[in-house]
Protein backbone atom coordinates (compact mmCIF):
# COMPACT_ATOMS: atom_id res chain seq x y z
CA MET A 1 -0.29 0.13 -0.31
CA ASN A 2 1.75 3.28 -0.90
CA THR A 3 1.51 5.38 2.27
CA ARG A 4 1.24 9.19 1.88
CA ASP A 5 2.97 12.19 4.63
CA PRO A 6 0.97 11.78 7.29
CA LYS A 7 0.80 15.20 7.43
CA LEU A 8 -1.10 15.62 4.06
CA THR A 9 -3.88 12.70 5.80
CA ALA A 10 -4.04 15.13 8.64
CA LEU A 11 -4.42 18.16 7.08
CA LEU A 12 -7.29 16.56 3.90
CA PHE A 13 -9.07 14.87 7.08
CA ASN A 14 -8.92 18.82 8.63
CA GLU A 15 -10.51 19.65 4.93
CA HIS A 16 -13.14 17.30 4.91
CA ILE A 17 -13.71 18.69 8.74
CA ASN A 18 -13.86 22.74 7.69
CA ASN A 19 -16.00 21.59 3.96
CA GLN A 20 -18.46 19.44 6.14
CA ASP A 21 -18.00 16.58 3.94
CA ILE A 22 -19.06 13.71 6.57
CA ALA A 23 -18.12 10.16 4.02
CA GLY A 24 -14.58 12.17 3.49
CA LEU A 25 -14.28 12.30 7.28
CA SER A 26 -15.79 8.51 7.28
CA GLY A 27 -13.54 7.27 4.76
CA LEU A 28 -9.86 8.72 6.09
CA MET A 29 -11.05 7.23 9.58
CA SER A 30 -9.70 3.77 11.03
CA ASP A 31 -12.28 1.50 11.95
CA ASP A 32 -10.82 2.09 15.94
CA HIS A 33 -10.53 5.99 15.36
CA THR A 34 -10.98 7.51 18.63
CA PHE A 35 -11.53 11.29 19.42
CA ILE A 36 -10.56 13.22 22.05
CA ASP A 37 -11.77 16.60 23.42
CA ARG A 38 -10.39 19.44 25.16
CA GLU A 39 -12.09 17.64 28.57
CA GLY A 40 -10.13 13.93 27.78
CA ALA A 41 -13.31 12.34 26.95
CA VAL A 42 -13.40 9.58 24.99
CA TYR A 43 -15.34 8.92 22.14
CA PRO A 44 -13.79 5.75 20.68
CA GLY A 45 -15.27 3.85 17.21
CA LYS A 46 -15.51 5.75 13.40
CA GLU A 47 -19.73 4.90 13.61
CA THR A 48 -19.83 6.82 16.91
CA MET A 49 -17.94 9.84 15.16
CA THR A 50 -19.60 10.26 12.06
CA ARG A 51 -22.49 10.28 14.28
CA GLY A 52 -20.89 12.69 16.47
CA TRP A 53 -19.50 14.91 13.53
CA ILE A 54 -23.41 14.69 12.16
CA GLU A 55 -24.78 16.53 15.02
CA PHE A 56 -22.00 18.69 15.87
CA PHE A 57 -22.47 20.44 12.39
CA GLN A 58 -25.52 21.09 12.73
CA SER A 59 -24.91 22.64 16.35
CA PHE A 60 -22.31 24.93 14.35
CA PRO A 61 -22.34 24.86 10.66
CA ASP A 62 -20.12 27.41 10.46
CA TYR A 63 -16.82 25.67 12.20
CA ARG A 64 -13.63 25.81 10.92
CA ASN A 65 -10.08 24.60 12.33
CA THR A 66 -7.23 26.91 11.04
CA PHE A 67 -3.39 25.86 11.23
CA ASN A 68 -0.49 28.09 11.15
CA TRP A 69 1.80 25.10 12.13
CA VAL A 70 2.51 22.22 11.38
CA GLU A 71 4.73 18.55 12.40
CA SER A 72 4.71 15.24 12.00
CA ARG A 73 6.76 12.47 14.08
CA ASP A 74 6.82 9.22 12.33
CA ASP A 75 2.87 8.71 12.91
CA LEU A 76 2.08 11.89 15.19
CA VAL A 77 1.16 14.89 13.52
CA ILE A 78 0.73 18.11 15.69
CA LEU A 79 -1.61 21.30 14.17
CA ILE A 80 -1.30 24.34 15.97
CA GLY A 81 -3.82 27.09 14.98
CA TYR A 82 -7.34 28.10 15.83
CA ALA A 83 -10.82 27.30 15.67
CA THR A 84 -13.35 29.81 14.59
CA TRP A 85 -17.42 28.28 15.27
CA SER A 86 -18.98 31.27 13.59
CA GLN A 87 -18.75 33.76 11.16
CA GLY A 88 -17.06 37.08 13.43
CA SER A 89 -16.46 34.89 15.94
CA ARG A 90 -12.80 34.91 17.95
CA PRO A 91 -10.02 32.92 16.61
CA ASP A 92 -10.54 29.48 19.99
CA HIS A 93 -6.30 28.55 19.96
CA ALA A 94 -6.10 25.19 19.88
CA ILE A 95 -3.50 21.87 19.58
CA TRP A 96 -4.84 19.27 17.16
CA THR A 97 -2.94 15.77 16.91
CA ALA A 98 -3.79 13.10 14.93
CA ILE A 99 -2.05 9.28 14.35
CA VAL A 100 -2.08 8.37 11.54
CA ARG A 101 -1.91 5.05 10.15
CA GLU A 102 -1.79 3.23 6.50
CA ASN A 103 -3.41 6.88 5.82
CA ARG A 104 -6.41 7.00 8.11
CA VAL A 105 -6.63 9.18 10.95
CA ALA A 106 -7.33 6.49 13.97
CA GLU A 107 -6.89 9.42 16.63
CA TRP A 108 -7.93 12.94 16.67
CA ARG A 109 -7.52 14.84 19.87
CA ILE A 110 -7.84 18.40 20.79
CA TYR A 111 -5.97 20.23 23.64
CA GLU A 112 -5.93 23.99 25.25
CA ASP A 113 -3.02 25.38 23.85
CA THR A 114 -0.98 26.21 27.12
CA ASP A 115 3.06 26.36 27.98
CA GLU A 116 2.09 23.03 30.00
CA ASN A 117 0.37 21.20 26.53
CA ARG A 118 3.35 22.50 25.10
CA VAL A 119 5.93 21.31 26.61
CA LYS A 120 4.04 18.10 27.17
CA LEU A 121 4.06 17.66 23.77
CA GLY A 122 7.47 18.88 23.04
CA ILE A 123 6.83 22.05 21.45
CA VAL A 124 9.10 24.48 23.08
């Protein structure tokens, strides 16, 4: 199987988020995909998160992520940037991580953009 750079997979996954493309998101999730939110709540399973994204986009139809820094370390991709929840909303700064295996996102996680989390992730 040809594998693409994990950064490209993570960026494509985010493009599907920004376009609210459920089929694209689902197609890039591994079967054992896990989403972890800022509070550490874990949402396991591709089916769970496919439904979760549908509900999320219904609640936040203008949600978008913008990244200004991307780094990969083997199968871990770290993305720093901000989310906007609606047009004109203030940027919500965050750190995202993606674990990419065989061109699929096995884990998508969001962290508060804090000094502590930057140290934890080795971003200094």
